[in-house]
PDB file of all heavy atoms in Angstrom:
ATOM      1  N   CYS A   1      50.992 -63.714  54.635  1.00  0.00           N
ATOM      2  CA  CYS A   1      50.134 -64.495  53.733  1.00  0.00           C
ATOM      3  C   CYS A   1      50.832 -64.791  52.408  1.00  0.00           C
ATOM      4  O   CYS A   1      51.483 -63.917  51.832  1.00  0.00           O
ATOM      5  CB  CYS A   1      48.833 -63.737  53.458  1.00  0.00           C
ATOM      6  SG  CYS A   1      48.029 -63.069  54.926  1.00  0.00           S
ATOM      7  N   ALA A   2      50.671 -66.007  51.920  1.00  0.00           N
ATOM      8  CA  ALA A   2      51.278 -66.415  50.649  1.00  0.00           C
ATOM      9  C   ALA A   2      50.618 -67.705  50.174  1.00  0.00           C
ATOM     10  O   ALA A   2      49.982 -68.407  50.983  1.00  0.00           O
ATOM     11  CB  ALA A   2      52.787 -66.614  50.820  1.00  0.00           C
ATOM     12  N   PRO A   3      50.753 -68.040  48.893  1.00  0.00           N
ATOM     13  CA  PRO A   3      51.284 -67.197  47.818  1.00  0.00           C
ATOM     14  C   PRO A   3      50.300 -66.092  47.445  1.00  0.00           C
ATOM     15  O   PRO A   3      49.109 -66.201  47.726  1.00  0.00           O
ATOM     16  CB  PRO A   3      51.482 -68.187  46.664  1.00  0.00           C
ATOM     17  CG  PRO A   3      50.517 -69.289  46.942  1.00  0.00           C
ATOM     18  CD  PRO A   3      50.397 -69.396  48.428  1.00  0.00           C
ATOM     19  N   HIS A   4      50.816 -65.052  46.797  1.00  0.00           N
ATOM     20  CA  HIS A   4      50.008 -63.872  46.478  1.00  0.00           C
ATOM     21  C   HIS A   4      49.597 -63.925  45.010  1.00  0.00           C
ATOM     22  O   HIS A   4      50.375 -63.588  44.122  1.00  0.00           O
ATOM     23  CB  HIS A   4      50.816 -62.611  46.771  1.00  0.00           C
ATOM     24  CG  HIS A   4      50.013 -61.347  46.724  1.00  0.00           C
ATOM     25  ND1 HIS A   4      48.634 -61.330  46.804  1.00  0.00           N
ATOM     26  CD2 HIS A   4      50.400 -60.048  46.601  1.00  0.00           C
ATOM     27  CE1 HIS A   4      48.210 -60.085  46.743  1.00  0.00           C
ATOM     28  NE2 HIS A   4      49.255 -59.285  46.613  1.00  0.00           N
ATOM     29  N   ALA A   5      48.362 -64.341  44.760  1.00  0.00           N
ATOM     30  CA  ALA A   5      47.893 -64.528  43.388  1.00  0.00           C
ATOM     31  C   ALA A   5      47.117 -63.332  42.854  1.00  0.00           C
ATOM     32  O   ALA A   5      47.148 -63.055  41.660  1.00  0.00           O
ATOM     33  CB  ALA A   5      47.021 -65.780  43.299  1.00  0.00           C
ATOM     34  N   ASN A   6      46.398 -62.604  43.734  1.00  0.00           N
ATOM     35  CA  ASN A   6      45.555 -61.510  43.274  1.00  0.00           C
ATOM     36  C   ASN A   6      45.465 -60.453  44.369  1.00  0.00           C
ATOM     37  O   ASN A   6      45.126 -60.773  45.517  1.00  0.00           O
ATOM     38  CB  ASN A   6      44.163 -62.029  42.908  1.00  0.00           C
ATOM     39  CG  ASN A   6      43.284 -60.965  42.281  1.00  0.00           C
ATOM     40  OD1 ASN A   6      42.798 -60.061  42.954  1.00  0.00           O
ATOM     41  ND2 ASN A   6      43.076 -61.072  40.977  1.00  0.00           N
ATOM     42  N   GLN A   7      45.742 -59.185  44.018  1.00  0.00           N
ATOM     43  CA  GLN A   7      45.798 -58.127  45.028  1.00  0.00           C
ATOM     44  C   GLN A   7      44.436 -57.774  45.609  1.00  0.00           C
ATOM     45  O   GLN A   7      44.362 -57.133  46.664  1.00  0.00           O
ATOM     46  CB  GLN A   7      46.444 -56.881  44.436  1.00  0.00           C
ATOM     47  CG  GLN A   7      45.673 -56.245  43.287  1.00  0.00           C
ATOM     48  CD  GLN A   7      46.262 -54.924  42.842  1.00  0.00           C
ATOM     49  OE1 GLN A   7      46.741 -54.135  43.652  1.00  0.00           O
ATOM     50  NE2 GLN A   7      46.242 -54.666  41.537  1.00  0.00           N
ATOM     51  N   PHE A   8      43.352 -58.159  44.945  1.00  0.00           N
ATOM     52  CA  PHE A   8      42.019 -57.851  45.460  1.00  0.00           C
ATOM     53  C   PHE A   8      41.378 -59.065  46.139  1.00  0.00           C
ATOM     54  O   PHE A   8      40.764 -58.944  47.201  1.00  0.00           O
ATOM     55  CB  PHE A   8      41.118 -57.353  44.323  1.00  0.00           C
ATOM     56  CG  PHE A   8      41.637 -56.135  43.630  1.00  0.00           C
ATOM     57  CD1 PHE A   8      42.019 -56.180  42.298  1.00  0.00           C
ATOM     58  CD2 PHE A   8      41.766 -54.936  44.317  1.00  0.00           C
ATOM     59  CE1 PHE A   8      42.507 -55.060  41.654  1.00  0.00           C
ATOM     60  CE2 PHE A   8      42.254 -53.802  43.682  1.00  0.00           C
ATOM     61  CZ  PHE A   8      42.631 -53.868  42.351  1.00  0.00           C
ATOM     62  N   VAL A   9      41.514 -60.240  45.526  1.00  0.00           N
ATOM     63  CA  VAL A   9      40.851 -61.442  46.059  1.00  0.00           C
ATOM     64  C   VAL A   9      41.551 -61.955  47.312  1.00  0.00           C
ATOM     65  O   VAL A   9      40.896 -62.322  48.305  1.00  0.00           O
ATOM     66  CB  VAL A   9      40.794 -62.545  44.987  1.00  0.00           C
ATOM     67  CG1 VAL A   9      40.151 -63.812  45.560  1.00  0.00           C
ATOM     68  CG2 VAL A   9      40.012 -62.067  43.773  1.00  0.00           C
ATOM     69  N   ASP A  10      42.897 -61.983  47.299  1.00  0.00           N
ATOM     70  CA  ASP A  10      43.638 -62.562  48.420  1.00  0.00           C
ATOM     71  C   ASP A  10      43.310 -61.911  49.769  1.00  0.00           C
ATOM     72  O   ASP A  10      43.044 -62.620  50.755  1.00  0.00           O
ATOM     73  CB  ASP A  10      45.141 -62.481  48.160  1.00  0.00           C
ATOM     74  CG  ASP A  10      45.572 -63.377  47.007  1.00  0.00           C
ATOM     75  OD1 ASP A  10      44.748 -64.191  46.555  1.00  0.00           O
ATOM     76  OD2 ASP A  10      46.721 -63.266  46.556  1.00  0.00           O
ATOM     77  N   PRO A  11      43.328 -60.567  49.883  1.00  0.00           N
ATOM     78  CA  PRO A  11      42.992 -59.966  51.180  1.00  0.00           C
ATOM     79  C   PRO A  11      41.571 -60.302  51.636  1.00  0.00           C
ATOM     80  O   PRO A  11      41.331 -60.496  52.832  1.00  0.00           O
ATOM     81  CB  PRO A  11      43.140 -58.458  50.926  1.00  0.00           C
ATOM     82  CG  PRO A  11      44.041 -58.355  49.753  1.00  0.00           C
ATOM     83  CD  PRO A  11      43.724 -59.538  48.899  1.00  0.00           C
ATOM     84  N   THR A  12      40.627 -60.372  50.693  1.00  0.00           N
ATOM     85  CA  THR A  12      39.246 -60.714  51.057  1.00  0.00           C
ATOM     86  C   THR A  12      39.156 -62.142  51.569  1.00  0.00           C
ATOM     87  O   THR A  12      38.475 -62.413  52.569  1.00  0.00           O
ATOM     88  CB  THR A  12      38.314 -60.543  49.837  1.00  0.00           C
ATOM     89  OG1 THR A  12      38.446 -59.212  49.332  1.00  0.00           O
ATOM     90  CG2 THR A  12      36.868 -60.797  50.225  1.00  0.00           C
ATOM     91  N   VAL A  13      39.848 -63.060  50.912  1.00  0.00           N
ATOM     92  CA  VAL A  13      39.850 -64.464  51.334  1.00  0.00           C
ATOM     93  C   VAL A  13      40.443 -64.602  52.739  1.00  0.00           C
ATOM     94  O   VAL A  13      39.883 -65.289  53.607  1.00  0.00           O
ATOM     95  CB  VAL A  13      40.638 -65.326  50.323  1.00  0.00           C
ATOM     96  CG1 VAL A  13      40.934 -66.706  50.895  1.00  0.00           C
ATOM     97  CG2 VAL A  13      39.860 -65.459  49.018  1.00  0.00           C
ATOM     98  N   VAL A  14      41.570 -63.933  52.981  1.00  0.00           N
ATOM     99  CA  VAL A  14      42.210 -64.016  54.302  1.00  0.00           C
ATOM    100  C   VAL A  14      41.330 -63.377  55.374  1.00  0.00           C
ATOM    101  O   VAL A  14      41.170 -63.918  56.478  1.00  0.00           O
ATOM    102  CB  VAL A  14      43.599 -63.348  54.269  1.00  0.00           C
ATOM    103  CG1 VAL A  14      44.202 -63.307  55.677  1.00  0.00           C
ATOM    104  CG2 VAL A  14      44.526 -64.099  53.323  1.00  0.00           C
ATOM    105  N   THR A  15      40.741 -62.225  55.055  1.00  0.00           N
ATOM    106  CA  THR A  15      39.869 -61.544  56.018  1.00  0.00           C
ATOM    107  C   THR A  15      38.684 -62.421  56.413  1.00  0.00           C
ATOM    108  O   THR A  15      38.279 -62.445  57.576  1.00  0.00           O
ATOM    109  CB  THR A  15      39.363 -60.204  55.441  1.00  0.00           C
ATOM    110  OG1 THR A  15      40.485 -59.392  55.101  1.00  0.00           O
ATOM    111  CG2 THR A  15      38.514 -59.459  56.446  1.00  0.00           C
ATOM    112  N   LYS A  16      38.135 -63.136  55.440  1.00  0.00           N
ATOM    113  CA  LYS A  16      37.010 -64.032  55.729  1.00  0.00           C
ATOM    114  C   LYS A  16      37.455 -65.221  56.581  1.00  0.00           C
ATOM    115  O   LYS A  16      36.716 -65.720  57.429  1.00  0.00           O
ATOM    116  CB  LYS A  16      36.384 -64.527  54.426  1.00  0.00           C
ATOM    117  CG  LYS A  16      35.211 -65.497  54.621  1.00  0.00           C
ATOM    118  CD  LYS A  16      34.528 -65.820  53.313  1.00  0.00           C
ATOM    119  CE  LYS A  16      33.528 -66.961  53.478  1.00  0.00           C
ATOM    120  NZ  LYS A  16      32.520 -66.692  54.524  1.00  0.00           N
ATOM    121  N   ALA A  17      38.705 -65.679  56.356  1.00  0.00           N
ATOM    122  CA  ALA A  17      39.195 -66.866  57.067  1.00  0.00           C
ATOM    123  C   ALA A  17      39.616 -66.567  58.503  1.00  0.00           C
ATOM    124  O   ALA A  17      39.562 -67.457  59.361  1.00  0.00           O
ATOM    125  CB  ALA A  17      40.371 -67.472  56.303  1.00  0.00           C
ATOM    126  N   ILE A  18      40.043 -65.333  58.776  1.00  0.00           N
ATOM    127  CA  ILE A  18      40.564 -64.976  60.105  1.00  0.00           C
ATOM    128  C   ILE A  18      39.425 -64.449  60.980  1.00  0.00           C
ATOM    129  O   ILE A  18      38.737 -63.512  60.598  1.00  0.00           O
ATOM    130  CB  ILE A  18      41.664 -63.912  59.985  1.00  0.00           C
ATOM    131  CG1 ILE A  18      42.819 -64.424  59.123  1.00  0.00           C
ATOM    132  CG2 ILE A  18      42.172 -63.501  61.362  1.00  0.00           C
ATOM    133  CD1 ILE A  18      43.554 -65.616  59.681  1.00  0.00           C
ATOM    134  N   PRO A  19      39.232 -65.023  62.164  1.00  0.00           N
ATOM    135  CA  PRO A  19      38.120 -64.606  63.037  1.00  0.00           C
ATOM    136  C   PRO A  19      38.405 -63.329  63.825  1.00  0.00           C
ATOM    137  O   PRO A  19      38.242 -63.288  65.035  1.00  0.00           O
ATOM    138  CB  PRO A  19      37.959 -65.808  63.971  1.00  0.00           C
ATOM    139  CG  PRO A  19      39.319 -66.396  64.070  1.00  0.00           C
ATOM    140  CD  PRO A  19      39.960 -66.179  62.718  1.00  0.00           C
ATOM    141  N   ARG A  20      38.853 -62.269  63.150  1.00  0.00           N
ATOM    142  CA  ARG A  20      39.059 -60.959  63.771  1.00  0.00           C
ATOM    143  C   ARG A  20      38.509 -59.897  62.825  1.00  0.00           C
ATOM    144  O   ARG A  20      38.599 -60.039  61.595  1.00  0.00           O
ATOM    145  CB  ARG A  20      40.557 -60.696  64.011  1.00  0.00           C
ATOM    146  CG  ARG A  20      41.257 -61.633  65.004  1.00  0.00           C
ATOM    147  CD  ARG A  20      41.361 -61.065  66.383  1.00  0.00           C
ATOM    148  NE  ARG A  20      41.997 -59.797  66.524  1.00  0.00           N
ATOM    149  CZ  ARG A  20      43.200 -59.599  67.085  1.00  0.00           C
ATOM    150  NH1 ARG A  20      43.917 -60.626  67.488  1.00  0.00           N
ATOM    151  NH2 ARG A  20      43.667 -58.375  67.254  1.00  0.00           N
ATOM    152  N   THR A  21      37.958 -58.823  63.385  1.00  0.00           N
ATOM    153  CA  THR A  21      37.385 -57.757  62.557  1.00  0.00           C
ATOM    154  C   THR A  21      38.299 -56.541  62.450  1.00  0.00           C
ATOM    155  O   THR A  21      37.944 -55.561  61.803  1.00  0.00           O
ATOM    156  CB  THR A  21      36.032 -57.305  63.135  1.00  0.00           C
ATOM    157  OG1 THR A  21      36.233 -56.818  64.477  1.00  0.00           O
ATOM    158  CG2 THR A  21      35.041 -58.459  63.156  1.00  0.00           C
ATOM    159  N   ASP A  22      39.474 -56.593  63.087  1.00  0.00           N
ATOM    160  CA  ASP A  22      40.363 -55.429  63.115  1.00  0.00           C
ATOM    161  C   ASP A  22      41.590 -55.633  62.231  1.00  0.00           C
ATOM    162  O   ASP A  22      42.699 -55.244  62.582  1.00  0.00           O
ATOM    163  CB  ASP A  22      40.794 -55.115  64.543  1.00  0.00           C
ATOM    164  CG  ASP A  22      41.484 -56.294  65.225  1.00  0.00           C
ATOM    165  OD1 ASP A  22      41.356 -57.430  64.725  1.00  0.00           O
ATOM    166  OD2 ASP A  22      42.166 -56.075  66.249  1.00  0.00           O
ATOM    167  N   ILE A  23      41.391 -56.242  61.066  1.00  0.00           N
ATOM    168  CA  ILE A  23      42.491 -56.523  60.151  1.00  0.00           C
ATOM    169  C   ILE A  23      42.657 -55.372  59.160  1.00  0.00           C
ATOM    170  O   ILE A  23      41.687 -54.914  58.561  1.00  0.00           O
ATOM    171  CB  ILE A  23      42.246 -57.823  59.373  1.00  0.00           C
ATOM    172  CG1 ILE A  23      42.012 -58.994  60.330  1.00  0.00           C
ATOM    173  CG2 ILE A  23      43.426 -58.130  58.448  1.00  0.00           C
ATOM    174  CD1 ILE A  23      41.607 -60.279  59.637  1.00  0.00           C
ATOM    175  N   GLY A  24      43.894 -54.919  59.000  1.00  0.00           N
ATOM    176  CA  GLY A  24      44.206 -53.922  57.988  1.00  0.00           C
ATOM    177  C   GLY A  24      45.392 -54.396  57.166  1.00  0.00           C
ATOM    178  O   GLY A  24      46.446 -54.717  57.727  1.00  0.00           O
ATOM    179  N   PHE A  25      45.238 -54.490  55.853  1.00  0.00           N
ATOM    180  CA  PHE A  25      46.307 -54.978  54.987  1.00  0.00           C
ATOM    181  C   PHE A  25      47.145 -53.832  54.446  1.00  0.00           C
ATOM    182  O   PHE A  25      46.643 -52.721  54.254  1.00  0.00           O
ATOM    183  CB  PHE A  25      45.727 -55.762  53.809  1.00  0.00           C
ATOM    184  CG  PHE A  25      45.433 -57.203  54.124  1.00  0.00           C
ATOM    185  CD1 PHE A  25      44.198 -57.569  54.630  1.00  0.00           C
ATOM    186  CD2 PHE A  25      46.383 -58.183  53.937  1.00  0.00           C
ATOM    187  CE1 PHE A  25      43.912 -58.888  54.934  1.00  0.00           C
ATOM    188  CE2 PHE A  25      46.112 -59.502  54.237  1.00  0.00           C
ATOM    189  CZ  PHE A  25      44.882 -59.864  54.725  1.00  0.00           C
ATOM    190  N   LEU A  26      48.409 -54.116  54.195  1.00  0.00           N
ATOM    191  CA  LEU A  26      49.222 -53.184  53.443  1.00  0.00           C
ATOM    192  C   LEU A  26      48.763 -53.224  51.992  1.00  0.00           C
ATOM    193  O   LEU A  26      48.578 -54.306  51.433  1.00  0.00           O
ATOM    194  CB  LEU A  26      50.699 -53.555  53.534  1.00  0.00           C
ATOM    195  CG  LEU A  26      51.483 -52.925  54.689  1.00  0.00           C
ATOM    196  CD1 LEU A  26      51.046 -53.528  56.023  1.00  0.00           C
ATOM    197  CD2 LEU A  26      52.982 -53.130  54.504  1.00  0.00           C
ATOM    198  N   ALA A  27      48.557 -52.062  51.394  1.00  0.00           N
ATOM    199  CA  ALA A  27      48.073 -51.984  50.018  1.00  0.00           C
ATOM    200  C   ALA A  27      48.904 -50.974  49.241  1.00  0.00           C
ATOM    201  O   ALA A  27      49.419 -50.001  49.805  1.00  0.00           O
ATOM    202  CB  ALA A  27      46.597 -51.570  49.990  1.00  0.00           C
ATOM    203  N   ALA A  28      49.047 -51.214  47.948  1.00  0.00           N
ATOM    204  CA  ALA A  28      49.797 -50.304  47.091  1.00  0.00           C
ATOM    205  C   ALA A  28      49.159 -48.917  47.110  1.00  0.00           C
ATOM    206  O   ALA A  28      47.938 -48.784  46.957  1.00  0.00           O
ATOM    207  CB  ALA A  28      49.858 -50.850  45.672  1.00  0.00           C
ATOM    208  N   ALA A  29      49.968 -47.902  47.298  1.00  0.00           N
ATOM    209  CA  ALA A  29      49.452 -46.536  47.332  1.00  0.00           C
ATOM    210  C   ALA A  29      48.787 -46.168  46.011  1.00  0.00           C
ATOM    211  O   ALA A  29      47.822 -45.395  45.989  1.00  0.00           O
ATOM    212  CB  ALA A  29      50.591 -45.563  47.638  1.00  0.00           C
ATOM    213  N   SER A  30      49.285 -46.730  44.902  1.00  0.00           N
ATOM    214  CA  SER A  30      48.674 -46.447  43.601  1.00  0.00           C
ATOM    215  C   SER A  30      47.244 -46.953  43.542  1.00  0.00           C
ATOM    216  O   SER A  30      46.374 -46.331  42.925  1.00  0.00           O
ATOM    217  CB  SER A  30      49.495 -47.103  42.489  1.00  0.00           C
ATOM    218  OG  SER A  30      49.575 -48.511  42.666  1.00  0.00           O
ATOM    219  N   THR A  31      46.989 -48.083  44.197  1.00  0.00           N
ATOM    220  CA  THR A  31      45.627 -48.619  44.256  1.00  0.00           C
ATOM    221  C   THR A  31      44.737 -47.727  45.102  1.00  0.00           C
ATOM    222  O   THR A  31      43.588 -47.446  44.745  1.00  0.00           O
ATOM    223  CB  THR A  31      45.640 -50.047  44.834  1.00  0.00           C
ATOM    224  OG1 THR A  31      46.416 -50.897  43.982  1.00  0.00           O
ATOM    225  CG2 THR A  31      44.231 -50.601  44.941  1.00  0.00           C
ATOM    226  N   MET A  32      45.268 -47.254  46.218  1.00  0.00           N
ATOM    227  CA  MET A  32      44.473 -46.427  47.120  1.00  0.00           C
ATOM    228  C   MET A  32      44.223 -45.029  46.556  1.00  0.00           C
ATOM    229  O   MET A  32      43.348 -44.313  47.054  1.00  0.00           O
ATOM    230  CB  MET A  32      45.145 -46.351  48.492  1.00  0.00           C
ATOM    231  CG  MET A  32      45.223 -47.705  49.186  1.00  0.00           C
ATOM    232  SD  MET A  32      45.704 -47.617  50.920  1.00  0.00           S
ATOM    233  CE  MET A  32      44.267 -46.843  51.660  1.00  0.00           C
ATOM    234  N   ARG A  33      44.974 -44.642  45.536  1.00  0.00           N
ATOM    235  CA  ARG A  33      44.717 -43.351  44.896  1.00  0.00           C
ATOM    236  C   ARG A  33      43.578 -43.433  43.887  1.00  0.00           C
ATOM    237  O   ARG A  33      43.098 -42.398  43.414  1.00  0.00           O
ATOM    238  CB  ARG A  33      45.990 -42.840  44.214  1.00  0.00           C
ATOM    239  CG  ARG A  33      47.020 -42.271  45.180  1.00  0.00           C
ATOM    240  CD  ARG A  33      48.097 -41.510  44.447  1.00  0.00           C
ATOM    241  NE  ARG A  33      48.979 -42.387  43.704  1.00  0.00           N
ATOM    242  CZ  ARG A  33      50.121 -42.881  44.170  1.00  0.00           C
ATOM    243  NH1 ARG A  33      50.507 -42.586  45.406  1.00  0.00           N
ATOM    244  NH2 ARG A  33      50.880 -43.660  43.421  1.00  0.00           N
ATOM    245  N   LYS A  34      43.157 -44.628  43.539  1.00  0.00           N
ATOM    246  CA  LYS A  34      42.048 -44.781  42.603  1.00  0.00           C
ATOM    247  C   LYS A  34      40.745 -44.356  43.278  1.00  0.00           C
ATOM    248  O   LYS A  34      40.553 -44.597  44.471  1.00  0.00           O
ATOM    249  CB  LYS A  34      41.965 -46.220  42.115  1.00  0.00           C
ATOM    250  CG  LYS A  34      43.172 -46.630  41.279  1.00  0.00           C
ATOM    251  CD  LYS A  34      43.076 -48.072  40.818  1.00  0.00           C
ATOM    252  CE  LYS A  34      44.295 -48.468  39.977  1.00  0.00           C
ATOM    253  NZ  LYS A  34      44.245 -49.881  39.558  1.00  0.00           N
ATOM    254  N   LYS A  35      39.868 -43.757  42.503  1.00  0.00           N
ATOM    255  CA  LYS A  35      38.696 -43.087  43.058  1.00  0.00           C
ATOM    256  C   LYS A  35      37.821 -44.012  43.898  1.00  0.00           C
ATOM    257  O   LYS A  35      37.515 -43.712  45.056  1.00  0.00           O
ATOM    258  CB  LYS A  35      37.873 -42.468  41.930  1.00  0.00           C
ATOM    259  CG  LYS A  35      36.698 -41.634  42.411  1.00  0.00           C
ATOM    260  CD  LYS A  35      36.018 -40.938  41.252  1.00  0.00           C
ATOM    261  CE  LYS A  35      34.854 -40.080  41.735  1.00  0.00           C
ATOM    262  NZ  LYS A  35      34.176 -39.380  40.622  1.00  0.00           N
ATOM    263  N   TYR A  36      37.399 -45.130  43.339  1.00  0.00           N
ATOM    264  CA  TYR A  36      36.439 -45.986  44.026  1.00  0.00           C
ATOM    265  C   TYR A  36      37.123 -47.094  44.835  1.00  0.00           C
ATOM    266  O   TYR A  36      36.791 -47.314  46.003  1.00  0.00           O
ATOM    267  CB  TYR A  36      35.465 -46.600  43.020  1.00  0.00           C
ATOM    268  CG  TYR A  36      34.645 -45.558  42.288  1.00  0.00           C
ATOM    269  CD1 TYR A  36      34.865 -45.281  40.940  1.00  0.00           C
ATOM    270  CD2 TYR A  36      33.674 -44.821  42.960  1.00  0.00           C
ATOM    271  CE1 TYR A  36      34.128 -44.305  40.277  1.00  0.00           C
ATOM    272  CE2 TYR A  36      32.929 -43.846  42.309  1.00  0.00           C
ATOM    273  CZ  TYR A  36      33.156 -43.592  40.968  1.00  0.00           C
ATOM    274  OH  TYR A  36      32.433 -42.622  40.324  1.00  0.00           O
ATOM    275  N   ILE A  37      38.088 -47.768  44.221  1.00  0.00           N
ATOM    276  CA  ILE A  37      38.800 -48.839  44.937  1.00  0.00           C
ATOM    277  C   ILE A  37      39.536 -48.268  46.141  1.00  0.00           C
ATOM    278  O   ILE A  37      39.595 -48.885  47.203  1.00  0.00           O
ATOM    279  CB  ILE A  37      39.773 -49.552  43.990  1.00  0.00           C
ATOM    280  CG1 ILE A  37      39.003 -50.254  42.867  1.00  0.00           C
ATOM    281  CG2 ILE A  37      40.628 -50.568  44.741  1.00  0.00           C
ATOM    282  CD1 ILE A  37      39.882 -50.933  41.843  1.00  0.00           C
ATOM    283  N   GLY A  38      40.076 -47.057  45.972  1.00  0.00           N
ATOM    284  CA  GLY A  38      40.770 -46.421  47.083  1.00  0.00           C
ATOM    285  C   GLY A  38      39.863 -46.157  48.270  1.00  0.00           C
ATOM    286  O   GLY A  38      40.261 -46.333  49.423  1.00  0.00           O
ATOM    287  N   ARG A  39      38.630 -45.753  47.995  1.00  0.00           N
ATOM    288  CA  ARG A  39      37.678 -45.515  49.092  1.00  0.00           C
ATOM    289  C   ARG A  39      37.364 -46.809  49.830  1.00  0.00           C
ATOM    290  O   ARG A  39      37.273 -46.833  51.065  1.00  0.00           O
ATOM    291  CB  ARG A  39      36.398 -44.906  48.531  1.00  0.00           C
ATOM    292  CG  ARG A  39      36.546 -43.469  48.035  1.00  0.00           C
ATOM    293  CD  ARG A  39      35.237 -42.947  47.456  1.00  0.00           C
ATOM    294  NE  ARG A  39      35.388 -41.584  46.940  1.00  0.00           N
ATOM    295  CZ  ARG A  39      34.419 -40.927  46.322  1.00  0.00           C
ATOM    296  NH1 ARG A  39      33.228 -41.504  46.153  1.00  0.00           N
ATOM    297  NH2 ARG A  39      34.628 -39.704  45.875  1.00  0.00           N
ATOM    298  N   LEU A  40      37.193 -47.881  49.063  1.00  0.00           N
ATOM    299  CA  LEU A  40      36.915 -49.175  49.693  1.00  0.00           C
ATOM    300  C   LEU A  40      38.095 -49.626  50.550  1.00  0.00           C
ATOM    301  O   LEU A  40      37.909 -50.157  51.655  1.00  0.00           O
ATOM    302  CB  LEU A  40      36.607 -50.224  48.620  1.00  0.00           C
ATOM    303  CG  LEU A  40      35.370 -49.977  47.755  1.00  0.00           C
ATOM    304  CD1 LEU A  40      35.206 -51.095  46.737  1.00  0.00           C
ATOM    305  CD2 LEU A  40      34.117 -49.853  48.616  1.00  0.00           C
ATOM    306  N   ALA A  41      39.318 -49.421  50.039  1.00  0.00           N
ATOM    307  CA  ALA A  41      40.511 -49.807  50.792  1.00  0.00           C
ATOM    308  C   ALA A  41      40.631 -49.014  52.085  1.00  0.00           C
ATOM    309  O   ALA A  41      41.028 -49.551  53.125  1.00  0.00           O
ATOM    310  CB  ALA A  41      41.755 -49.606  49.926  1.00  0.00           C
ATOM    311  N   LYS A  42      40.271 -47.735  52.048  1.00  0.00           N
ATOM    312  CA  LYS A  42      40.329 -46.912  53.256  1.00  0.00           C
ATOM    313  C   LYS A  42      39.297 -47.364  54.280  1.00  0.00           C
ATOM    314  O   LYS A  42      39.562 -47.365  55.488  1.00  0.00           O
ATOM    315  CB  LYS A  42      40.117 -45.441  52.893  1.00  0.00           C
ATOM    316  CG  LYS A  42      41.282 -44.830  52.128  1.00  0.00           C
ATOM    317  CD  LYS A  42      40.999 -43.399  51.703  1.00  0.00           C
ATOM    318  CE  LYS A  42      42.158 -42.819  50.901  1.00  0.00           C
ATOM    319  NZ  LYS A  42      41.880 -41.447  50.419  1.00  0.00           N
ATOM    320  N   VAL A  43      38.111 -47.749  53.796  1.00  0.00           N
ATOM    321  CA  VAL A  43      37.081 -48.265  54.708  1.00  0.00           C
ATOM    322  C   VAL A  43      37.574 -49.522  55.410  1.00  0.00           C
ATOM    323  O   VAL A  43      37.310 -49.736  56.600  1.00  0.00           O
ATOM    324  CB  VAL A  43      35.772 -48.560  53.931  1.00  0.00           C
ATOM    325  CG1 VAL A  43      34.794 -49.344  54.809  1.00  0.00           C
ATOM    326  CG2 VAL A  43      35.127 -47.258  53.469  1.00  0.00           C
TER     327      VAL A  43
END
């Protein structure tokens, strides 16, 4: 996926556009260590 403008909006936009429910994005480990955003990323 490109261009990469926003680390939170871009994955959501692509997930909505792709007709599959089994999508998992690569995400920065620093983001996933955050208390709330990290939980959402793991879900």
